[in-house]
Amino acid sequence: MLCIEELINLDPFQQLPKEQLEWVCDRAGTVELHAGEVLAHEGDPGHGLFILVKGKINLTRRSQGVEIPIGQHQAPSFFGEIPVLTDEPVPVTMRALTDCNLYEVKAEDFRRLLHECRDFERMVFRIMERRLRGLESFIRGREKMAALGTLAAGLAHELNNPAAALVRTLESMPPAILELQRMNLVYGQRNVDQAHTQNWLRVREEGHDAILNNRVDPVTLSDRETVLLEWLEDYGVKQAWKLAEPLAEGGVEVETLDDLMERWRNDETELREIGLHWLSLSFEVMSMIKHGLRGAERISELVQAMKSYAYLDQGVQQEVNVHQGLEDTLRLFAHKLKCGIQVQRNYDQHLPKTLAYGSELNQVWTNLIDNAIDAMDGKGLLEITTQHCDRFAHIDIIDSGSGILPEIKTRIFEPFFTTKSVGHGSGLGLETVRRIVENRHHGTLSFESQPGRTCFTVCLPLSNQ
């Protein structure tokens, strides 16, 4: 049985008279835990107030499938007041680190004590506030790390393809260049007249220009390749299909080949075909360079988007281009969007810049866009609309998901409130958005939702208005 001496070791209970302390002792139930046993799991319904008189209780929170330690309760202490007073599920998993002796005060008995003793109530609420603040601070840190991890994973995914293409290009180029040099040497040994050589060089330069500037119509490319393949096979080129594609990309016509190869048709040496291979390989190398350049540019764009997203090279507060922030965020979510989400942009091109905390504002776009993607389960329409209204910028993030249930609309901005399963949502995403928009930028945040259309509207004051 719980005794008064054990109770008064806890500050709040020192505020209660002896009669109430005896009443608590009479009504408290005994709980014993062995090391490793769980008192309550995260997400369980609230129980009562627990009074720990012996042992240690470890507190963990599930994040991205991993149990993260966030603190401990060591005797003498009390806990469990948060779910009792908020009617929310247990926010953490409580597991015995050692053998523990506890007592449980039922929820209704605990609430009665609060109502009957104002000093007890005041002290309990102060302790609860500190605990909530600490839990919120921890979860915010985890959320930022999780968001960074998500963006880093997406960035790595997006970087992989252009990086791999660039590596393949660089691996293929040395043998191709060496082969071109060998062909040049063989051709040069024949002392061919300069006029004929200039014809080859002219066709090569025109082909390079066609490849680099996309001058060949992609619609007719396949037909051109078929015609060239027939010509090459008639000429007797082995594996003619290898030459047909690059020659087609270079915009070469069969009449040009007739003219260039006329003098070599009866040559019994390698030179009978070497010009065709030289021209084709020259175009292949130029295509490699073009694709490698595209890969390098894509890598540069992604790195710049991440740098711009984080505002790594700028001050804390600066003139921010809202559209740029939205686009940087969309680039970093490209791996999620490409699987079945269409993005429709309706930007007001006359929207001026606004003075803002750039990296924090990008957290707003990240949370809202990520929520929209989740709401659509990876498939649907994401609309982003901006408008210049009087002295404010209005930004709408609209998704075609299932919508927000009417019974929870009044609660979605509450800290720790989430409709996601345990470990997949902290309930701080929208609360963070509200805090950044309203407290940090003196704007407003609102939403409208129905099945098939949910719209979150961010309204920001414009600095130059």
Protein backbone atom coordinates (compact mmCIF):
# COMPACT_ATOMS: atom_id res chain seq x y z
CA MET A 1 0.00 0.00 0.00
CA LEU A 2 1.18 3.52 -0.84
CA CYS A 3 2.20 5.49 2.24
CA ILE A 4 2.12 9.22 2.90
CA GLU A 5 5.91 9.39 3.31
CA GLU A 6 6.33 8.19 -0.29
CA LEU A 7 3.78 10.70 -1.59
CA ILE A 8 5.28 13.79 0.04
CA ASN A 9 8.59 13.10 -1.68
CA LEU A 10 6.84 14.58 -4.74
CA ASP A 11 6.49 18.37 -4.77
CA PRO A 12 2.84 18.65 -5.89
CA PHE A 13 1.61 16.29 -3.20
CA GLN A 14 3.22 18.46 -0.51
CA GLN A 15 0.38 20.90 -1.23
CA LEU A 16 -2.30 18.42 -0.11
CA PRO A 17 -3.60 18.15 3.47
CA LYS A 18 -3.13 14.90 5.39
CA GLU A 19 -6.73 13.79 4.82
CA GLN A 20 -6.39 13.95 1.05
CA LEU A 21 -3.01 12.22 1.17
CA GLU A 22 -4.56 9.37 3.11
CA TRP A 23 -7.42 9.28 0.62
CA VAL A 24 -4.94 8.95 -2.27
CA CYS A 25 -3.05 6.18 -0.47
CA ASP A 26 -6.25 4.24 0.12
CA ARG A 27 -7.34 4.43 -3.50
CA ALA A 28 -4.00 3.91 -5.29
CA GLY A 29 -3.53 0.53 -6.98
CA THR A 30 -0.26 -1.39 -6.88
CA VAL A 31 1.70 -2.02 -10.12
CA GLU A 32 4.91 -4.06 -10.32
CA LEU A 33 7.14 -4.24 -13.39
CA HIS A 34 10.17 -6.38 -14.11
CA ALA A 35 13.05 -4.95 -16.14
CA GLY A 36 12.09 -4.84 -19.80
CA GLU A 37 8.33 -4.91 -19.27
CA VAL A 38 6.22 -2.21 -20.90
CA LEU A 39 3.90 -0.10 -18.78
CA ALA A 40 2.22 1.57 -21.77
CA HIS A 41 2.81 1.77 -25.52
CA GLU A 42 2.81 4.95 -27.54
CA GLY A 43 -0.69 5.44 -28.91
CA ASP A 44 -2.44 3.50 -26.12
CA PRO A 45 -5.43 5.13 -24.41
CA GLY A 46 -4.54 7.06 -21.27
CA HIS A 47 -4.68 5.24 -17.93
CA GLY A 48 -4.24 7.14 -14.68
CA LEU A 49 -1.51 8.94 -12.80
CA PHE A 50 1.48 6.73 -12.03
CA ILE A 51 3.62 7.22 -8.92
CA LEU A 52 7.06 5.60 -9.16
CA VAL A 53 8.56 4.78 -5.77
CA LYS A 54 11.32 2.41 -6.90
CA GLY A 55 13.24 1.86 -10.16
CA LYS A 56 13.67 3.57 -13.53
CA ILE A 57 11.28 3.92 -16.47
CA ASN A 58 12.65 4.54 -19.96
CA LEU A 59 10.69 6.75 -22.39
CA THR A 60 10.87 6.21 -26.16
CA ARG A 61 9.08 7.62 -29.18
CA ARG A 62 8.73 5.85 -32.52
CA SER A 63 10.08 7.77 -35.52
CA GLN A 64 10.41 6.38 -39.05
CA GLY A 65 10.14 2.83 -37.70
CA VAL A 66 12.81 3.29 -35.01
CA GLU A 67 12.37 3.57 -31.25
CA ILE A 68 14.14 6.77 -30.16
CA PRO A 69 15.00 7.25 -26.44
CA ILE A 70 13.77 10.64 -25.24
CA GLY A 71 14.18 10.48 -21.45
CA GLN A 72 13.67 8.62 -18.19
CA HIS A 73 11.61 8.71 -15.01
CA GLN A 74 13.57 7.80 -11.90
CA ALA A 75 12.02 7.20 -8.48
CA PRO A 76 10.59 9.13 -6.77
CA SER A 77 8.50 10.67 -9.58
CA PHE A 78 5.05 10.78 -11.07
CA PHE A 79 3.88 10.71 -14.70
CA GLY A 80 0.86 9.96 -16.88
CA GLU A 81 -0.86 13.30 -16.30
CA ILE A 82 -0.65 14.38 -19.95
CA PRO A 83 -3.06 11.82 -21.50
CA VAL A 84 -5.37 12.13 -18.46
CA LEU A 85 -5.68 15.90 -18.84
CA THR A 86 -5.67 16.11 -22.65
CA ASP A 87 -7.72 13.00 -23.49
CA GLU A 88 -5.02 12.16 -26.02
CA PRO A 89 -3.30 8.78 -26.47
CA VAL A 90 -0.13 8.08 -24.51
CA PRO A 91 2.59 10.13 -26.33
CA VAL A 92 5.51 7.80 -25.51
CA THR A 93 6.29 4.16 -24.80
CA MET A 94 7.16 3.55 -21.13
CA ARG A 95 9.39 0.54 -20.44
CA ALA A 96 11.00 -0.54 -17.16
CA LEU A 97 14.78 -0.24 -17.14
CA THR A 98 14.95 -1.96 -13.75
CA ASP A 99 12.46 -3.73 -11.53
CA CYS A 100 9.94 -1.05 -10.59
CA ASN A 101 7.32 -0.47 -7.90
CA LEU A 102 4.52 1.89 -8.92
CA TYR A 103 1.09 2.96 -7.80
CA GLU A 104 -1.70 4.05 -10.09
CA VAL A 105 -4.20 6.75 -9.18
CA LYS A 106 -7.29 6.46 -11.36
CA ALA A 107 -7.95 9.28 -13.79
CA GLU A 108 -11.17 10.41 -12.10
CA ASP A 109 -9.49 10.47 -8.65
CA PHE A 110 -6.59 12.50 -10.02
CA ARG A 111 -8.94 15.04 -11.63
CA ARG A 112 -10.85 15.32 -8.34
CA LEU A 113 -7.63 16.22 -6.52
CA LEU A 114 -6.93 18.91 -9.10
CA HIS A 115 -10.36 20.45 -8.62
CA GLU A 116 -10.17 20.41 -4.85
CA CYS A 117 -6.69 21.89 -4.37
CA ARG A 118 -5.67 24.90 -6.44
CA ASP A 119 -1.99 24.80 -5.37
CA PHE A 120 -1.75 21.12 -6.29
CA GLU A 121 -3.40 21.86 -9.63
CA ARG A 122 -1.08 24.79 -10.38
CA MET A 123 2.07 22.79 -9.68
CA VAL A 124 0.91 19.79 -11.73
CA PHE A 125 0.12 21.99 -14.71
CA ARG A 126 3.52 23.70 -14.49
CA ILE A 127 5.27 20.33 -14.53
CA MET A 128 3.07 19.14 -17.40
CA GLU A 129 3.87 22.29 -19.37
CA ARG A 130 7.62 21.72 -18.95
CA ARG A 131 7.27 18.11 -20.04
CA LEU A 132 5.20 19.01 -23.08
CA ARG A 133 7.67 21.71 -24.03
CA GLY A 134 10.56 19.26 -23.75
CA LEU A 135 8.69 16.62 -25.75
CA GLU A 136 7.77 19.16 -28.41
CA SER A 137 11.36 20.43 -28.63
CA PHE A 138 12.66 16.88 -29.05
CA ILE A 139 10.08 15.98 -31.68
CA ARG A 140 10.70 19.21 -33.61
CA GLY A 141 14.37 18.29 -33.78
CA ARG A 142 13.50 14.78 -34.95
CA GLU A 143 11.04 16.17 -37.49
CA LYS A 144 13.69 18.48 -38.95
CA MET A 145 16.15 15.60 -39.17
CA ALA A 146 13.49 13.35 -40.70
CA ALA A 147 12.56 16.05 -43.23
CA LEU A 148 16.23 16.54 -44.05
CA GLY A 149 16.62 12.79 -44.44
CA THR A 150 13.60 12.64 -46.76
CA LEU A 151 14.94 15.49 -48.89
CA ALA A 152 18.44 14.00 -48.89
CA ALA A 153 17.06 10.64 -50.01
CA GLY A 154 15.06 12.34 -52.75
CA LEU A 155 18.09 14.38 -53.80
CA ALA A 156 20.27 11.25 -53.89
CA HIS A 157 17.62 9.52 -56.00
CA GLU A 158 17.46 12.43 -58.42
CA LEU A 159 21.26 12.75 -58.59
CA ASN A 160 21.76 9.04 -59.27
CA ASN A 161 20.51 9.00 -62.87
CA PRO A 162 22.47 12.01 -64.22
CA ALA A 163 25.55 10.98 -62.25
CA ALA A 164 25.39 7.43 -63.61
CA ALA A 165 24.89 8.78 -67.15
CA LEU A 166 27.88 11.06 -66.76
CA VAL A 167 30.05 8.17 -65.54
CA ARG A 168 28.96 5.97 -68.46
CA THR A 169 29.74 8.77 -70.89
CA LEU A 170 33.22 9.38 -69.48
CA GLU A 171 33.95 5.63 -69.51
CA SER A 172 32.92 5.32 -73.18
CA MET A 173 34.77 8.34 -74.52
CA PRO A 174 38.48 7.32 -74.23
CA PRO A 175 38.23 4.23 -76.50
CA ALA A 176 36.05 6.17 -78.96
CA ILE A 177 38.55 9.03 -79.15
CA LEU A 178 41.45 6.61 -79.58
CA GLU A 179 39.62 4.87 -82.44
CA LEU A 180 38.95 8.23 -84.15
CA GLN A 181 42.65 9.06 -83.89
CA ARG A 182 43.54 5.71 -85.46
CA MET A 183 41.10 6.31 -88.34
CA ASN A 184 42.53 9.79 -88.92
CA LEU A 185 46.03 8.30 -89.13
CA VAL A 186 44.96 5.60 -91.61
CA TYR A 187 43.14 8.17 -93.78
CA GLY A 188 46.05 10.61 -93.60
CA GLN A 189 48.49 8.02 -94.92
CA ARG A 190 46.63 7.98 -98.26
CA ASN A 191 47.29 11.70 -98.92
CA VAL A 192 43.73 12.32 -100.08
CA ASP A 193 43.14 15.63 -101.84
CA GLN A 194 42.12 18.52 -99.61
CA ALA A 195 38.78 19.19 -101.34
CA HIS A 196 37.49 15.68 -100.60
CA THR A 197 38.68 15.89 -97.00
CA GLN A 198 36.87 19.23 -96.59
CA ASN A 199 33.62 17.58 -97.72
CA TRP A 200 33.93 15.04 -94.91
CA LEU A 201 34.72 17.76 -92.39
CA ARG A 202 31.76 19.85 -93.56
CA VAL A 203 29.33 16.93 -93.12
CA ARG A 204 30.81 16.22 -89.68
CA GLU A 205 30.44 19.85 -88.53
CA GLU A 206 26.87 20.05 -89.82
CA GLY A 207 26.09 16.81 -87.96
CA HIS A 208 27.62 18.12 -84.74
CA ASP A 209 25.51 21.24 -85.02
CA ALA A 210 22.37 19.16 -85.65
CA ILE A 211 23.03 17.01 -82.57
CA LEU A 212 23.90 19.83 -80.18
CA ASN A 213 20.99 22.03 -81.25
CA ASN A 214 18.38 19.30 -81.85
CA ARG A 215 17.93 20.29 -85.48
CA VAL A 216 16.74 16.85 -86.61
CA ASP A 217 12.98 16.41 -86.31
CA PRO A 218 12.44 13.56 -83.80
CA VAL A 219 9.22 12.60 -85.60
CA THR A 220 11.10 11.76 -88.82
CA LEU A 221 14.21 10.37 -87.11
CA SER A 222 13.01 6.77 -87.23
CA ASP A 223 12.18 7.00 -90.95
CA ARG A 224 15.57 8.56 -91.69
CA GLU A 225 17.31 5.76 -89.75
CA THR A 226 15.45 3.10 -91.79
CA VAL A 227 16.50 4.67 -95.10
CA LEU A 228 20.13 4.95 -93.97
CA LEU A 229 20.13 1.35 -92.75
CA GLU A 230 19.01 0.13 -96.18
CA TRP A 231 21.76 2.17 -97.88
CA LEU A 232 24.45 0.86 -95.50
CA GLU A 233 23.37 -2.75 -95.99
CA ASP A 234 23.38 -2.29 -99.79
CA TYR A 235 26.89 -0.85 -99.50
CA GLY A 236 27.94 -3.98 -97.63
CA VAL A 237 28.63 -2.58 -94.17
CA LYS A 238 28.63 -5.26 -91.47
CA GLN A 239 26.43 -4.50 -88.44
CA ALA A 240 25.03 -1.55 -90.34
CA TRP A 241 22.45 -0.91 -87.59
CA LYS A 242 25.23 0.38 -85.34
CA LEU A 243 25.99 3.19 -87.81
CA ALA A 244 22.45 4.02 -88.89
CA GLU A 245 21.28 5.63 -85.64
CA PRO A 246 24.16 8.11 -85.11
CA LEU A 247 24.17 9.03 -88.81
CA ALA A 248 20.41 9.72 -88.61
CA GLU A 249 20.92 11.88 -85.51
CA GLY A 250 23.53 13.85 -87.45
CA GLY A 251 20.98 14.59 -90.17
CA VAL A 252 22.95 12.78 -92.90
CA GLU A 253 21.12 12.09 -96.19
CA VAL A 254 21.78 9.07 -98.43
CA GLU A 255 22.65 11.45 -101.28
CA THR A 256 25.47 12.81 -99.13
CA LEU A 257 26.79 9.32 -98.51
CA ASP A 258 26.60 8.52 -102.25
CA ASP A 259 28.74 11.57 -102.97
CA LEU A 260 31.28 10.96 -100.19
CA MET A 261 31.71 7.22 -100.80
CA GLU A 262 31.80 7.24 -104.60
CA ARG A 263 35.59 7.20 -104.77
CA TRP A 264 35.95 4.44 -102.15
CA ARG A 265 33.47 1.84 -103.46
CA ASN A 266 36.12 -0.19 -105.26
CA ASP A 267 38.88 0.28 -102.67
CA GLU A 268 40.01 -3.10 -101.35
CA THR A 269 41.46 -1.71 -98.11
CA GLU A 270 39.90 -0.59 -94.83
CA LEU A 271 39.24 2.77 -96.46
CA ARG A 272 36.24 1.34 -98.33
CA GLU A 273 34.20 1.76 -95.10
CA ILE A 274 36.40 3.79 -92.77
CA GLY A 275 34.76 7.10 -93.63
CA LEU A 276 31.32 5.79 -92.65
CA HIS A 277 32.64 4.49 -89.33
CA TRP A 278 34.57 7.73 -88.71
CA LEU A 279 31.49 9.87 -89.35
CA SER A 280 29.23 7.67 -87.23
CA LEU A 281 31.71 7.54 -84.34
CA SER A 282 32.22 11.32 -84.50
CA PHE A 283 28.47 11.76 -84.05
CA GLU A 284 28.42 9.21 -81.21
CA VAL A 285 31.13 11.13 -79.35
CA MET A 286 29.22 14.37 -79.79
CA SER A 287 26.07 12.70 -78.46
CA MET A 288 28.06 11.44 -75.48
CA ILE A 289 29.26 14.96 -74.79
CA LYS A 290 25.72 16.31 -75.13
CA HIS A 291 24.23 13.74 -72.76
CA GLY A 292 27.11 14.11 -70.33
CA LEU A 293 26.60 17.88 -70.35
CA ARG A 294 22.90 17.41 -69.67
CA GLY A 295 23.72 15.14 -66.74
CA ALA A 296 26.21 17.65 -65.33
CA GLU A 297 23.68 20.47 -65.75
CA ARG A 298 21.01 18.42 -63.97
CA ILE A 299 23.40 17.75 -61.09
CA SER A 300 24.22 21.46 -60.93
CA GLU A 301 20.51 22.36 -60.93
CA LEU A 302 19.76 19.97 -58.06
CA VAL A 303 22.69 21.19 -55.99
CA GLN A 304 21.66 24.80 -56.62
CA ALA A 305 18.06 23.96 -55.68
CA MET A 306 19.19 22.45 -52.37
CA LYS A 307 21.48 25.41 -51.70
CA SER A 308 18.72 27.86 -52.52
CA TYR A 309 16.20 25.85 -50.50
CA ALA A 310 18.39 26.05 -47.39
CA TYR A 311 19.50 29.68 -48.00
CA LEU A 312 23.00 28.57 -47.06
CA ASP A 313 24.74 31.63 -48.46
CA GLN A 314 22.39 34.37 -47.26
CA GLY A 315 21.43 36.17 -44.08
CA VAL A 316 18.67 35.19 -41.72
CA GLN A 317 16.04 37.48 -43.23
CA GLN A 318 16.04 38.66 -46.84
CA GLU A 319 13.92 39.49 -49.85
CA VAL A 320 12.46 36.15 -50.92
CA ASN A 321 11.08 35.08 -54.29
CA VAL A 322 8.10 32.92 -53.32
CA HIS A 323 8.01 31.20 -56.72
CA GLN A 324 11.67 30.25 -56.45
CA GLY A 325 11.09 28.70 -53.03
CA LEU A 326 8.13 26.71 -54.34
CA GLU A 327 10.10 25.49 -57.36
CA ASP A 328 13.11 24.51 -55.23
CA THR A 329 10.80 22.49 -52.99
CA LEU A 330 9.13 20.80 -55.96
CA ARG A 331 12.52 19.83 -57.39
CA LEU A 332 13.46 18.15 -54.13
CA PHE A 333 10.16 16.23 -54.16
CA ALA A 334 10.56 15.18 -57.82
CA HIS A 335 11.08 11.51 -56.84
CA LYS A 336 7.61 11.45 -55.23
CA LEU A 337 5.85 13.51 -57.86
CA LYS A 338 6.96 11.59 -60.94
CA CYS A 339 5.15 8.41 -59.88
CA GLY A 340 1.67 9.68 -60.71
CA ILE A 341 1.14 13.25 -59.52
CA GLN A 342 0.53 16.02 -62.02
CA VAL A 343 1.67 19.47 -60.95
CA GLN A 344 -0.28 22.48 -62.19
CA ARG A 345 1.25 25.90 -61.59
CA ASN A 346 -0.83 29.08 -61.67
CA TYR A 347 1.72 31.73 -60.79
CA ASP A 348 1.07 35.47 -60.68
CA GLN A 349 4.13 36.67 -62.59
CA HIS A 350 3.75 40.15 -61.08
CA LEU A 351 4.00 38.91 -57.51
CA PRO A 352 6.77 40.95 -55.81
CA LYS A 353 9.36 39.61 -53.41
CA THR A 354 8.63 39.63 -49.69
CA LEU A 355 10.87 40.04 -46.66
CA ALA A 356 11.00 36.64 -44.98
CA TYR A 357 13.03 33.99 -43.22
CA GLY A 358 13.75 32.01 -46.37
CA SER A 359 14.65 28.61 -44.92
CA GLU A 360 11.67 28.71 -42.55
CA LEU A 361 9.30 29.67 -45.35
CA ASN A 362 10.57 26.70 -47.33
CA GLN A 363 9.66 24.49 -44.35
CA VAL A 364 6.08 25.71 -44.88
CA TRP A 365 6.09 24.66 -48.54
CA THR A 366 7.77 21.35 -47.62
CA ASN A 367 5.16 20.43 -45.01
CA LEU A 368 2.17 21.49 -47.12
CA ILE A 369 3.37 19.80 -50.31
CA ASP A 370 4.42 16.63 -48.47
CA ASN A 371 1.00 16.45 -46.78
CA ALA A 372 -0.70 16.97 -50.16
CA ILE A 373 1.31 14.11 -51.70
CA ASP A 374 0.39 11.82 -48.79
CA ALA A 375 -3.28 12.83 -49.04
CA MET A 376 -3.34 11.77 -52.71
CA ASP A 377 -1.57 8.49 -51.98
CA GLY A 378 0.92 9.24 -54.74
CA LYS A 379 -1.62 9.85 -57.55
CA GLY A 380 -3.65 12.95 -58.41
CA LEU A 381 -3.40 16.65 -59.17
CA LEU A 382 -1.32 19.10 -57.15
CA GLU A 383 -2.20 22.73 -57.88
CA ILE A 384 -0.12 25.66 -56.70
CA THR A 385 -1.60 29.11 -57.19
CA THR A 386 -0.14 32.50 -56.27
CA GLN A 387 -1.92 35.85 -56.30
CA HIS A 388 -1.06 39.44 -55.48
CA CYS A 389 -3.99 40.79 -53.44
CA ASP A 390 -3.64 44.33 -52.13
CA ARG A 391 -0.65 44.25 -49.72
CA PHE A 392 -0.46 40.47 -49.44
CA ALA A 393 0.75 37.43 -51.34
CA HIS A 394 -1.75 34.55 -51.38
CA ILE A 395 -0.35 31.07 -51.95
CA ASP A 396 -2.74 28.12 -52.38
CA ILE A 397 -1.57 24.50 -52.12
CA ILE A 398 -4.40 22.32 -53.47
CA ASP A 399 -4.58 18.54 -53.65
CA SER A 400 -7.16 16.15 -55.10
CA GLY A 401 -7.01 13.75 -52.14
CA SER A 402 -9.81 12.38 -49.98
CA GLY A 403 -10.09 15.52 -47.86
CA ILE A 404 -10.11 16.23 -44.12
CA LEU A 405 -12.91 14.71 -42.06
CA PRO A 406 -15.32 17.36 -40.69
CA GLU A 407 -14.97 16.11 -37.11
CA ILE A 408 -11.20 16.80 -37.00
CA LYS A 409 -11.07 20.10 -38.89
CA THR A 410 -10.94 22.11 -35.66
CA ARG A 411 -7.98 20.10 -34.38
CA ILE A 412 -5.52 19.76 -37.26
CA PHE A 413 -3.30 22.63 -36.03
CA GLU A 414 -3.09 21.25 -32.48
CA PRO A 415 0.38 20.11 -31.38
CA PHE A 416 0.75 16.31 -31.45
CA PHE A 417 -2.60 15.77 -33.18
CA THR A 418 -2.18 13.46 -36.18
CA THR A 419 -4.29 11.07 -38.21
CA LYS A 420 -1.22 9.08 -39.26
CA SER A 421 -0.27 5.80 -37.65
CA VAL A 422 2.21 5.64 -34.77
CA GLY A 423 5.73 6.36 -35.97
CA HIS A 424 4.61 8.05 -39.19
CA GLY A 425 3.44 11.41 -37.94
CA SER A 426 4.31 13.60 -34.99
CA GLY A 427 1.36 15.97 -35.22
CA LEU A 428 3.71 18.96 -35.43
CA GLY A 429 3.86 19.52 -39.21
CA LEU A 430 0.83 21.79 -39.56
CA GLU A 431 1.48 23.35 -36.15
CA THR A 432 4.96 24.27 -37.42
CA VAL A 433 3.43 25.76 -40.57
CA ARG A 434 0.99 27.83 -38.52
CA ARG A 435 3.74 29.04 -36.17
CA ILE A 436 6.07 30.07 -39.02
CA VAL A 437 3.33 31.81 -41.02
CA GLU A 438 1.53 33.57 -38.18
CA ASN A 439 4.17 34.14 -35.51
CA ARG A 440 7.32 34.59 -37.59
CA HIS A 441 5.86 36.31 -40.66
CA HIS A 442 2.67 37.90 -39.28
CA GLY A 443 0.61 36.23 -41.99
CA THR A 444 -2.45 34.00 -41.91
CA LEU A 445 -3.05 30.32 -42.58
CA SER A 446 -6.44 28.85 -43.51
CA PHE A 447 -7.87 25.84 -45.30
CA GLU A 448 -10.96 24.49 -46.99
CA SER A 449 -11.54 20.80 -47.55
CA GLN A 450 -14.00 18.46 -49.16
CA PRO A 451 -13.54 15.07 -50.84
CA GLY A 452 -11.44 15.58 -53.97
CA ARG A 453 -10.20 19.08 -53.08
CA THR A 454 -8.27 20.38 -50.08
CA CYS A 455 -6.81 23.88 -50.25
CA PHE A 456 -4.38 25.38 -47.73
CA THR A 457 -3.97 29.14 -48.18
CA VAL A 458 -0.92 31.00 -46.89
CA CYS A 459 -1.28 34.79 -46.81
CA LEU A 460 1.97 36.74 -46.39
CA PRO A 461 2.42 40.52 -46.05
CA LEU A 462 4.54 42.03 -48.82
CA SER A 463 7.51 44.03 -47.60
CA ASN A 464 7.43 46.67 -50.36
CA GLN A 465 3.72 47.48 -50.16
